[in-house]
């Protein structure tokens, strides 16, 4: 995955400035998010060969988020993956379930299973997918609140495994730049 990212980054460096201006204009309506997931971002940090990437785009009306989560080289079976609400270096509550191999409850109905690594999980998140965390001020179905948290850099994606139930790889979303 890292070599693909490097190839894409090298290509972007040679892209014309006009394309960059067009992308900036498009991002006013569509917010792109990207982050790399590593064990070093977990709290506490995890030394693992596991890695992942998360990319997403907020639609024009900010009514949905189309995402893709990729992960590989994890220590054990994936149990679940989420978007959480918290600043860097802090654990926070679950805002959205991306996939789960846990029973329901706690897994909400309609959440897809997490495939074995290496894998890609993709989908579209709308207000019906937001589960909270109410104790942190985001009520179920409050997509606008979650998107505000993402834009402020106070949301992260993590992938939980049976070896590391608190999370094996994590990446912060939003804030300055393109996601981390």
N, C-alpha and C. Protein backbone atom coordinates (compact mmCIF):
# COMPACT_ATOMS: atom_id res chain seq x y z
N UNK A 1 0.82 -1.19 0.00
CA UNK A 1 0.00 0.00 0.00
C UNK A 1 0.86 1.25 0.00
N UNK A 2 1.97 1.22 0.73
CA UNK A 2 2.83 2.40 0.81
C UNK A 2 3.44 2.72 -0.54
N UNK A 3 3.82 1.69 -1.32
CA UNK A 3 4.41 1.95 -2.63
C UNK A 3 3.37 2.56 -3.56
N UNK A 4 2.12 2.14 -3.46
CA UNK A 4 1.06 2.73 -4.27
C UNK A 4 0.90 4.20 -3.90
N UNK A 5 0.92 4.49 -2.61
CA UNK A 5 0.79 5.87 -2.16
C UNK A 5 1.94 6.72 -2.68
N UNK A 6 3.16 6.20 -2.65
CA UNK A 6 4.32 6.94 -3.14
C UNK A 6 4.21 7.20 -4.64
N UNK A 7 3.75 6.23 -5.40
CA UNK A 7 3.58 6.41 -6.84
C UNK A 7 2.55 7.49 -7.11
N UNK A 8 1.43 7.44 -6.40
CA UNK A 8 0.40 8.46 -6.58
C UNK A 8 0.91 9.83 -6.19
N UNK A 9 1.65 9.92 -5.09
CA UNK A 9 2.18 11.20 -4.63
C UNK A 9 3.16 11.77 -5.65
N UNK A 10 4.02 10.95 -6.23
CA UNK A 10 4.97 11.42 -7.24
C UNK A 10 4.22 11.95 -8.45
N UNK A 11 3.18 11.29 -8.84
CA UNK A 11 2.37 11.75 -9.96
C UNK A 11 1.70 13.07 -9.67
N UNK A 12 1.26 13.29 -8.46
CA UNK A 12 0.61 14.54 -8.09
C UNK A 12 1.59 15.71 -8.11
N UNK A 13 2.85 15.45 -7.80
CA UNK A 13 3.85 16.51 -7.81
C UNK A 13 4.09 17.06 -9.20
N UNK A 14 3.84 16.25 -10.23
CA UNK A 14 4.06 16.69 -11.60
C UNK A 14 2.78 17.18 -12.26
N UNK A 15 1.67 17.17 -11.55
CA UNK A 15 0.39 17.61 -12.09
C UNK A 15 0.40 19.12 -12.27
N UNK A 16 -0.29 19.59 -13.27
CA UNK A 16 -0.29 21.03 -13.55
C UNK A 16 -0.96 21.81 -12.44
N UNK A 17 -0.53 23.07 -12.24
CA UNK A 17 -1.16 23.92 -11.23
C UNK A 17 -2.65 24.15 -11.49
N UNK A 18 -3.06 24.14 -12.77
CA UNK A 18 -4.48 24.32 -13.07
C UNK A 18 -5.33 23.20 -12.52
N UNK A 19 -4.82 21.97 -12.58
CA UNK A 19 -5.55 20.84 -12.02
C UNK A 19 -5.66 21.00 -10.51
N UNK A 20 -4.62 21.48 -9.86
CA UNK A 20 -4.65 21.70 -8.42
C UNK A 20 -5.70 22.75 -8.06
N UNK A 21 -5.79 23.83 -8.86
CA UNK A 21 -6.81 24.85 -8.61
C UNK A 21 -8.21 24.29 -8.80
N UNK A 22 -8.39 23.46 -9.81
CA UNK A 22 -9.70 22.84 -10.04
C UNK A 22 -10.06 21.93 -8.88
N UNK A 23 -9.07 21.20 -8.36
CA UNK A 23 -9.33 20.32 -7.22
C UNK A 23 -9.70 21.13 -5.98
N UNK A 24 -9.01 22.25 -5.75
CA UNK A 24 -9.34 23.11 -4.61
C UNK A 24 -10.78 23.59 -4.70
N UNK A 25 -11.21 23.99 -5.91
CA UNK A 25 -12.59 24.44 -6.10
C UNK A 25 -13.56 23.31 -5.84
N UNK A 26 -13.24 22.11 -6.32
CA UNK A 26 -14.12 20.97 -6.10
C UNK A 26 -14.21 20.61 -4.63
N UNK A 27 -13.09 20.75 -3.89
CA UNK A 27 -13.08 20.38 -2.48
C UNK A 27 -13.89 21.33 -1.62
N UNK A 28 -14.26 22.50 -2.13
CA UNK A 28 -15.15 23.37 -1.37
C UNK A 28 -16.52 22.72 -1.23
N UNK A 29 -16.90 21.94 -2.23
CA UNK A 29 -18.18 21.23 -2.19
C UNK A 29 -18.01 19.78 -1.72
N UNK A 30 -16.90 19.16 -2.07
CA UNK A 30 -16.61 17.78 -1.71
C UNK A 30 -15.34 17.78 -0.87
N UNK A 31 -15.41 17.36 0.34
CA UNK A 31 -14.23 17.33 1.22
C UNK A 31 -13.62 15.95 1.16
N UNK A 32 -12.38 15.88 0.68
CA UNK A 32 -11.65 14.62 0.62
C UNK A 32 -10.88 14.40 1.90
N UNK A 33 -10.86 13.16 2.37
CA UNK A 33 -10.14 12.79 3.58
C UNK A 33 -9.29 11.57 3.27
N UNK A 34 -8.08 11.58 3.77
CA UNK A 34 -7.21 10.41 3.65
C UNK A 34 -6.37 10.32 4.91
N UNK A 35 -6.12 9.10 5.36
CA UNK A 35 -5.21 8.91 6.47
C UNK A 35 -4.60 7.52 6.40
N UNK A 36 -3.40 7.42 6.89
CA UNK A 36 -2.70 6.14 7.01
C UNK A 36 -2.94 5.63 8.42
N UNK A 37 -3.23 4.33 8.56
CA UNK A 37 -3.44 3.72 9.87
C UNK A 37 -2.20 2.93 10.26
N UNK A 38 -1.69 3.20 11.46
CA UNK A 38 -0.54 2.47 11.99
C UNK A 38 -0.78 2.16 13.46
N UNK A 39 0.00 1.24 13.97
CA UNK A 39 -0.07 0.93 15.40
C UNK A 39 0.48 2.04 16.26
N UNK A 40 1.36 2.86 15.72
CA UNK A 40 1.96 3.94 16.49
C UNK A 40 0.95 5.01 16.89
N UNK A 41 -0.17 5.10 16.17
CA UNK A 41 -1.20 6.09 16.50
C UNK A 41 -2.20 5.57 17.53
N UNK A 42 -2.16 4.27 17.83
CA UNK A 42 -3.06 3.72 18.86
C UNK A 42 -2.69 4.27 20.24
N UNK A 43 -3.63 4.22 21.17
CA UNK A 43 -3.41 4.67 22.55
C UNK A 43 -3.71 3.51 23.48
N UNK A 44 -2.67 2.90 24.12
CA UNK A 44 -1.26 3.19 23.92
C UNK A 44 -0.80 2.64 22.56
N UNK A 45 0.39 3.10 22.13
CA UNK A 45 0.94 2.68 20.83
C UNK A 45 1.15 1.17 20.78
N UNK A 46 1.00 0.62 19.59
CA UNK A 46 1.17 -0.81 19.34
C UNK A 46 2.31 -0.97 18.33
N UNK A 47 3.25 -1.88 18.61
CA UNK A 47 4.28 -2.22 17.64
C UNK A 47 3.76 -3.40 16.83
N UNK A 48 3.39 -3.13 15.58
CA UNK A 48 2.77 -4.13 14.73
C UNK A 48 3.17 -3.89 13.28
N UNK A 49 3.29 -4.95 12.48
CA UNK A 49 3.50 -4.73 11.05
C UNK A 49 2.20 -4.33 10.35
N UNK A 50 1.09 -4.38 11.08
CA UNK A 50 -0.21 -4.03 10.50
C UNK A 50 -0.23 -2.61 9.98
N UNK A 51 -1.02 -2.41 8.94
CA UNK A 51 -1.16 -1.08 8.35
C UNK A 51 -2.53 -0.97 7.70
N UNK A 52 -2.90 0.25 7.40
CA UNK A 52 -4.16 0.48 6.72
C UNK A 52 -4.20 1.85 6.11
N UNK A 53 -5.20 2.07 5.28
CA UNK A 53 -5.47 3.36 4.68
C UNK A 53 -6.98 3.58 4.70
N UNK A 54 -7.37 4.82 4.94
CA UNK A 54 -8.78 5.20 4.91
C UNK A 54 -8.89 6.42 4.03
N UNK A 55 -9.82 6.39 3.09
CA UNK A 55 -10.11 7.56 2.26
C UNK A 55 -11.62 7.74 2.21
N UNK A 56 -12.02 8.99 2.14
CA UNK A 56 -13.46 9.28 2.11
C UNK A 56 -13.70 10.61 1.41
N UNK A 57 -14.92 10.79 0.99
CA UNK A 57 -15.34 12.04 0.37
C UNK A 57 -16.73 12.40 0.90
N UNK A 58 -16.84 13.62 1.40
CA UNK A 58 -18.12 14.15 1.86
C UNK A 58 -18.85 14.70 0.64
N UNK A 59 -20.13 14.35 0.48
CA UNK A 59 -20.86 14.79 -0.71
C UNK A 59 -21.20 16.28 -0.65
N UNK A 60 -21.74 16.81 -1.76
CA UNK A 60 -22.06 18.24 -1.88
C UNK A 60 -22.90 18.78 -0.73
N UNK A 61 -23.95 18.12 -0.39
CA UNK A 61 -24.84 18.61 0.65
C UNK A 61 -24.43 18.24 2.06
N UNK A 62 -23.29 17.59 2.20
CA UNK A 62 -22.81 17.10 3.50
C UNK A 62 -23.85 16.20 4.16
N UNK A 63 -24.48 15.36 3.32
CA UNK A 63 -25.48 14.42 3.83
C UNK A 63 -24.97 12.98 3.82
N UNK A 64 -23.78 12.77 3.26
CA UNK A 64 -23.21 11.43 3.27
C UNK A 64 -21.70 11.50 3.09
N UNK A 65 -21.07 10.38 3.43
CA UNK A 65 -19.63 10.23 3.36
C UNK A 65 -19.38 8.88 2.69
N UNK A 66 -18.77 8.88 1.51
CA UNK A 66 -18.42 7.64 0.81
C UNK A 66 -16.99 7.30 1.21
N UNK A 67 -16.77 6.06 1.66
CA UNK A 67 -15.45 5.71 2.20
C UNK A 67 -14.92 4.39 1.66
N UNK A 68 -13.60 4.23 1.85
CA UNK A 68 -12.92 2.98 1.58
C UNK A 68 -11.86 2.79 2.66
N UNK A 69 -11.90 1.64 3.32
CA UNK A 69 -10.95 1.27 4.35
C UNK A 69 -10.19 0.04 3.87
N UNK A 70 -8.87 0.13 3.82
CA UNK A 70 -8.03 -1.02 3.45
C UNK A 70 -7.12 -1.33 4.64
N UNK A 71 -6.89 -2.62 4.89
CA UNK A 71 -5.98 -3.01 5.96
C UNK A 71 -5.26 -4.29 5.57
N UNK A 72 -4.03 -4.47 6.14
CA UNK A 72 -3.20 -5.63 5.81
C UNK A 72 -2.21 -5.90 6.92
N UNK A 73 -1.64 -7.10 6.91
CA UNK A 73 -0.53 -7.49 7.79
C UNK A 73 -0.86 -7.37 9.28
N UNK A 74 -2.11 -7.56 9.63
CA UNK A 74 -2.52 -7.47 11.04
C UNK A 74 -2.13 -8.75 11.78
N UNK A 75 -2.02 -8.66 13.10
CA UNK A 75 -1.53 -9.76 13.92
C UNK A 75 -2.51 -10.92 14.04
N UNK A 76 -3.79 -10.63 13.85
CA UNK A 76 -4.83 -11.66 14.05
C UNK A 76 -6.09 -11.23 13.32
N UNK A 77 -7.17 -11.98 13.53
CA UNK A 77 -8.43 -11.70 12.86
C UNK A 77 -9.00 -10.34 13.26
N UNK A 78 -9.55 -9.64 12.27
CA UNK A 78 -10.21 -8.36 12.52
C UNK A 78 -11.54 -8.65 13.20
N UNK A 79 -11.81 -7.92 14.29
CA UNK A 79 -13.09 -8.08 14.98
C UNK A 79 -14.06 -6.97 14.65
N UNK A 80 -13.54 -5.75 14.40
CA UNK A 80 -14.41 -4.61 14.11
C UNK A 80 -13.56 -3.42 13.67
N UNK A 81 -14.21 -2.47 13.01
CA UNK A 81 -13.56 -1.21 12.62
C UNK A 81 -14.59 -0.10 12.74
N UNK A 82 -14.12 1.09 13.18
CA UNK A 82 -15.02 2.21 13.46
C UNK A 82 -14.39 3.55 13.10
N UNK A 83 -15.25 4.58 13.11
CA UNK A 83 -14.82 5.96 13.24
C UNK A 83 -15.15 6.34 14.68
N UNK A 84 -14.17 6.87 15.38
CA UNK A 84 -14.32 7.29 16.78
C UNK A 84 -14.21 8.80 16.87
N UNK A 85 -14.70 9.38 17.97
CA UNK A 85 -14.65 10.81 18.22
C UNK A 85 -13.64 11.10 19.32
N UNK A 86 -12.47 11.63 18.96
CA UNK A 86 -11.45 12.05 19.92
C UNK A 86 -10.28 12.68 19.19
N UNK A 87 -9.60 13.55 19.89
CA UNK A 87 -8.41 14.20 19.36
C UNK A 87 -7.25 13.22 19.34
N UNK A 88 -6.14 13.57 18.65
CA UNK A 88 -4.97 12.68 18.62
C UNK A 88 -4.49 12.36 20.04
N UNK A 89 -4.08 11.11 20.23
CA UNK A 89 -3.52 10.69 21.51
C UNK A 89 -4.53 10.39 22.60
N UNK A 90 -5.82 10.38 22.24
CA UNK A 90 -6.89 10.13 23.21
C UNK A 90 -7.85 9.12 22.60
N UNK A 91 -8.35 8.19 23.41
CA UNK A 91 -9.39 7.26 22.96
C UNK A 91 -10.75 7.89 23.14
N UNK A 92 -11.64 7.67 22.17
CA UNK A 92 -12.99 8.23 22.24
C UNK A 92 -14.03 7.19 21.88
N UNK A 93 -15.27 7.60 21.99
CA UNK A 93 -16.39 6.71 21.73
C UNK A 93 -16.62 6.45 20.25
N UNK A 94 -17.32 5.37 19.96
CA UNK A 94 -17.64 4.98 18.58
C UNK A 94 -18.71 5.92 18.03
N UNK A 95 -18.45 6.46 16.83
CA UNK A 95 -19.42 7.29 16.13
C UNK A 95 -20.11 6.51 15.01
N UNK A 96 -19.33 5.70 14.29
CA UNK A 96 -19.85 4.92 13.15
C UNK A 96 -19.14 3.58 13.09
N UNK A 97 -19.90 2.52 12.87
CA UNK A 97 -19.33 1.18 12.64
C UNK A 97 -19.06 1.04 11.15
N UNK A 98 -17.83 0.64 10.79
CA UNK A 98 -17.47 0.41 9.39
C UNK A 98 -17.63 -1.05 9.01
N UNK A 99 -17.29 -1.96 9.94
CA UNK A 99 -17.50 -3.39 9.74
C UNK A 99 -17.38 -4.07 11.10
N UNK A 100 -17.91 -5.28 11.22
CA UNK A 100 -17.83 -5.98 12.50
C UNK A 100 -18.06 -7.47 12.31
N UNK A 101 -17.33 -8.25 13.10
CA UNK A 101 -17.55 -9.68 13.19
C UNK A 101 -18.12 -10.06 14.55
N UNK A 102 -18.57 -9.06 15.29
CA UNK A 102 -19.20 -9.28 16.59
C UNK A 102 -20.69 -9.50 16.43
N UNK A 103 -21.30 -10.07 17.43
CA UNK A 103 -22.75 -10.31 17.39
C UNK A 103 -23.50 -8.98 17.50
N UNK A 104 -24.79 -9.05 17.24
CA UNK A 104 -25.66 -7.89 17.40
C UNK A 104 -26.59 -8.14 18.58
N UNK A 105 -26.61 -7.28 19.62
CA UNK A 105 -25.68 -6.18 19.86
C UNK A 105 -24.33 -6.69 20.31
N UNK A 106 -23.27 -5.93 20.27
CA UNK A 106 -23.26 -4.48 20.11
C UNK A 106 -23.31 -3.99 18.67
N UNK A 107 -23.04 -4.87 17.70
CA UNK A 107 -23.03 -4.42 16.31
C UNK A 107 -24.43 -4.04 15.87
N UNK A 108 -24.62 -2.83 15.33
CA UNK A 108 -25.93 -2.45 14.81
C UNK A 108 -26.31 -3.28 13.58
N UNK A 109 -27.58 -3.43 13.35
CA UNK A 109 -28.07 -4.15 12.17
C UNK A 109 -27.56 -3.47 10.91
N UNK A 110 -27.22 -4.27 9.90
CA UNK A 110 -26.81 -3.75 8.62
C UNK A 110 -25.33 -3.47 8.46
N UNK A 111 -24.54 -3.61 9.54
CA UNK A 111 -23.11 -3.38 9.45
C UNK A 111 -22.48 -4.59 8.76
N UNK A 112 -21.66 -4.36 7.71
CA UNK A 112 -21.08 -5.50 6.99
C UNK A 112 -20.02 -6.22 7.82
N UNK A 113 -19.78 -7.49 7.54
CA UNK A 113 -18.70 -8.20 8.23
C UNK A 113 -17.33 -7.69 7.79
N UNK A 114 -16.35 -7.81 8.68
CA UNK A 114 -14.97 -7.44 8.36
C UNK A 114 -14.30 -8.64 7.68
N UNK A 115 -13.85 -8.50 6.45
CA UNK A 115 -13.18 -9.62 5.78
C UNK A 115 -11.78 -9.83 6.35
N UNK A 116 -11.24 -11.04 6.18
CA UNK A 116 -9.87 -11.30 6.63
C UNK A 116 -8.87 -10.43 5.87
N UNK A 117 -7.81 -10.04 6.56
CA UNK A 117 -6.76 -9.21 5.94
C UNK A 117 -5.93 -10.05 4.98
N UNK A 118 -5.45 -9.46 3.89
CA UNK A 118 -5.65 -8.07 3.47
C UNK A 118 -7.04 -7.90 2.88
N UNK A 119 -7.61 -6.73 3.12
CA UNK A 119 -8.99 -6.52 2.68
C UNK A 119 -9.28 -5.05 2.47
N UNK A 120 -10.40 -4.83 1.77
CA UNK A 120 -10.93 -3.49 1.57
C UNK A 120 -12.40 -3.54 1.93
N UNK A 121 -12.83 -2.56 2.73
CA UNK A 121 -14.24 -2.40 3.10
C UNK A 121 -14.65 -1.03 2.59
N UNK A 122 -15.80 -0.94 1.92
CA UNK A 122 -16.24 0.35 1.42
C UNK A 122 -17.74 0.50 1.64
N UNK A 123 -18.19 1.75 1.59
CA UNK A 123 -19.60 2.00 1.76
C UNK A 123 -19.91 3.47 1.80
N UNK A 124 -21.16 3.77 2.14
CA UNK A 124 -21.63 5.14 2.26
C UNK A 124 -22.24 5.30 3.64
N UNK A 125 -21.80 6.34 4.34
CA UNK A 125 -22.31 6.65 5.68
C UNK A 125 -23.27 7.81 5.55
N UNK A 126 -24.45 7.67 6.15
CA UNK A 126 -25.37 8.81 6.24
C UNK A 126 -25.82 8.92 7.70
N UNK A 127 -26.75 9.81 7.96
CA UNK A 127 -27.16 10.08 9.34
C UNK A 127 -27.63 8.82 10.06
N UNK A 128 -28.24 7.89 9.36
CA UNK A 128 -28.75 6.68 10.01
C UNK A 128 -27.64 5.80 10.55
N UNK A 129 -26.40 6.01 10.10
CA UNK A 129 -25.27 5.19 10.54
C UNK A 129 -24.56 5.75 11.78
N UNK A 130 -24.83 6.99 12.12
CA UNK A 130 -24.17 7.63 13.27
C UNK A 130 -24.83 7.13 14.55
N UNK A 131 -24.03 6.52 15.44
CA UNK A 131 -24.55 5.94 16.69
C UNK A 131 -24.19 6.78 17.91
N UNK A 132 -23.44 7.83 17.76
CA UNK A 132 -23.03 8.66 18.90
C UNK A 132 -21.61 9.11 18.70
N UNK A 133 -20.87 9.27 19.78
CA UNK A 133 -21.12 8.91 21.18
C UNK A 133 -21.87 10.00 21.95
N UNK A 134 -23.05 9.64 22.42
CA UNK A 134 -23.91 10.59 23.14
C UNK A 134 -23.21 11.21 24.34
N UNK A 135 -22.42 10.43 25.07
CA UNK A 135 -21.74 10.95 26.26
C UNK A 135 -20.71 12.03 25.91
N UNK A 136 -20.35 12.14 24.63
CA UNK A 136 -19.41 13.16 24.18
C UNK A 136 -20.12 14.24 23.35
N UNK A 137 -21.43 14.24 23.32
CA UNK A 137 -22.18 15.31 22.66
C UNK A 137 -22.61 15.05 21.24
N UNK A 138 -22.36 13.86 20.70
CA UNK A 138 -22.85 13.51 19.37
C UNK A 138 -23.95 12.47 19.55
N UNK A 139 -25.17 12.87 19.30
CA UNK A 139 -26.31 11.96 19.44
C UNK A 139 -26.44 11.09 18.20
N UNK A 140 -27.10 9.94 18.32
CA UNK A 140 -27.37 9.13 17.14
C UNK A 140 -28.03 9.97 16.05
N UNK A 141 -27.62 9.72 14.81
CA UNK A 141 -28.14 10.36 13.60
C UNK A 141 -27.61 11.78 13.38
N UNK A 142 -26.71 12.29 14.23
CA UNK A 142 -26.18 13.64 14.06
C UNK A 142 -24.94 13.65 13.16
N UNK A 143 -25.18 13.45 11.86
CA UNK A 143 -24.09 13.42 10.90
C UNK A 143 -23.37 14.77 10.84
N UNK A 144 -24.10 15.87 10.91
CA UNK A 144 -23.46 17.18 10.84
C UNK A 144 -22.46 17.36 11.99
N UNK A 145 -22.80 16.88 13.17
CA UNK A 145 -21.87 16.97 14.31
C UNK A 145 -20.62 16.13 14.06
N UNK A 146 -20.81 14.92 13.51
CA UNK A 146 -19.66 14.07 13.21
C UNK A 146 -18.78 14.70 12.15
N UNK A 147 -19.38 15.25 11.09
CA UNK A 147 -18.58 15.90 10.05
C UNK A 147 -17.84 17.11 10.60
N UNK A 148 -18.44 17.85 11.51
CA UNK A 148 -17.74 18.97 12.14
C UNK A 148 -16.54 18.47 12.94
N UNK A 149 -16.71 17.36 13.63
CA UNK A 149 -15.59 16.77 14.39
C UNK A 149 -14.48 16.31 13.46
N UNK A 150 -14.84 15.69 12.34
CA UNK A 150 -13.85 15.25 11.37
C UNK A 150 -13.09 16.45 10.83
N UNK A 151 -13.81 17.49 10.43
CA UNK A 151 -13.15 18.68 9.88
C UNK A 151 -12.23 19.34 10.91
N UNK A 152 -12.56 19.21 12.19
CA UNK A 152 -11.75 19.80 13.26
C UNK A 152 -10.56 18.92 13.64
N UNK A 153 -10.47 17.73 13.06
CA UNK A 153 -9.37 16.82 13.38
C UNK A 153 -9.58 16.03 14.66
N UNK A 154 -10.84 15.90 15.08
CA UNK A 154 -11.14 15.18 16.33
C UNK A 154 -11.95 13.91 16.08
N UNK A 155 -11.55 13.20 15.05
CA UNK A 155 -12.13 11.88 14.77
C UNK A 155 -11.03 11.00 14.21
N UNK A 156 -11.12 9.72 14.47
CA UNK A 156 -10.12 8.79 13.96
C UNK A 156 -10.77 7.49 13.56
N UNK A 157 -10.07 6.75 12.70
CA UNK A 157 -10.49 5.43 12.26
C UNK A 157 -9.58 4.42 12.93
N UNK A 158 -10.15 3.33 13.44
CA UNK A 158 -9.26 2.25 13.88
C UNK A 158 -9.85 0.90 13.58
N UNK A 159 -8.92 -0.06 13.49
CA UNK A 159 -9.25 -1.45 13.20
C UNK A 159 -8.85 -2.26 14.42
N UNK A 160 -9.81 -2.98 15.00
CA UNK A 160 -9.62 -3.81 16.18
C UNK A 160 -9.38 -5.25 15.75
N UNK A 161 -8.51 -5.95 16.46
CA UNK A 161 -8.25 -7.36 16.18
C UNK A 161 -8.41 -8.17 17.46
N UNK A 162 -8.42 -9.49 17.32
CA UNK A 162 -8.54 -10.33 18.51
C UNK A 162 -7.30 -10.21 19.40
N UNK A 163 -6.12 -9.97 18.84
CA UNK A 163 -4.91 -9.77 19.65
C UNK A 163 -4.93 -8.42 20.35
N UNK A 164 -5.43 -7.39 19.66
CA UNK A 164 -5.50 -6.03 20.20
C UNK A 164 -6.95 -5.55 20.16
N UNK A 165 -7.76 -5.95 21.14
CA UNK A 165 -9.19 -5.61 21.11
C UNK A 165 -9.47 -4.11 21.21
N UNK A 166 -8.53 -3.34 21.76
CA UNK A 166 -8.71 -1.88 21.82
C UNK A 166 -8.35 -1.19 20.52
N UNK A 167 -7.76 -1.92 19.59
CA UNK A 167 -7.38 -1.38 18.30
C UNK A 167 -5.93 -1.70 17.98
N UNK A 168 -5.67 -2.15 16.75
CA UNK A 168 -4.30 -2.46 16.33
C UNK A 168 -3.70 -1.38 15.45
N UNK A 169 -4.52 -0.77 14.58
CA UNK A 169 -4.04 0.32 13.74
C UNK A 169 -5.07 1.45 13.77
N UNK A 170 -4.54 2.68 13.70
CA UNK A 170 -5.39 3.86 13.86
C UNK A 170 -4.84 4.99 12.99
N UNK A 171 -5.75 5.85 12.51
CA UNK A 171 -5.38 7.04 11.76
C UNK A 171 -6.33 8.18 12.05
N UNK A 172 -5.78 9.36 12.33
CA UNK A 172 -6.58 10.55 12.64
C UNK A 172 -7.14 11.13 11.36
N UNK A 173 -8.35 11.65 11.41
CA UNK A 173 -9.02 12.24 10.24
C UNK A 173 -9.11 13.76 10.36
N UNK A 174 -9.20 14.40 9.21
CA UNK A 174 -9.53 15.82 9.14
C UNK A 174 -8.47 16.75 9.65
N UNK A 175 -8.93 17.90 10.12
CA UNK A 175 -8.01 18.92 10.57
C UNK A 175 -7.30 19.55 9.39
N UNK A 176 -6.09 20.00 9.60
CA UNK A 176 -5.30 20.61 8.52
C UNK A 176 -4.86 19.55 7.52
N UNK A 177 -4.75 19.94 6.29
CA UNK A 177 -4.26 19.02 5.27
C UNK A 177 -5.34 18.07 4.79
N UNK A 178 -4.90 16.88 4.42
CA UNK A 178 -5.84 15.94 3.79
C UNK A 178 -6.23 14.80 4.71
N UNK A 179 -6.08 14.94 6.00
CA UNK A 179 -6.58 13.87 6.86
C UNK A 179 -5.75 13.58 8.07
N UNK A 180 -4.45 13.84 8.04
CA UNK A 180 -3.68 13.58 9.25
C UNK A 180 -2.52 14.52 9.36
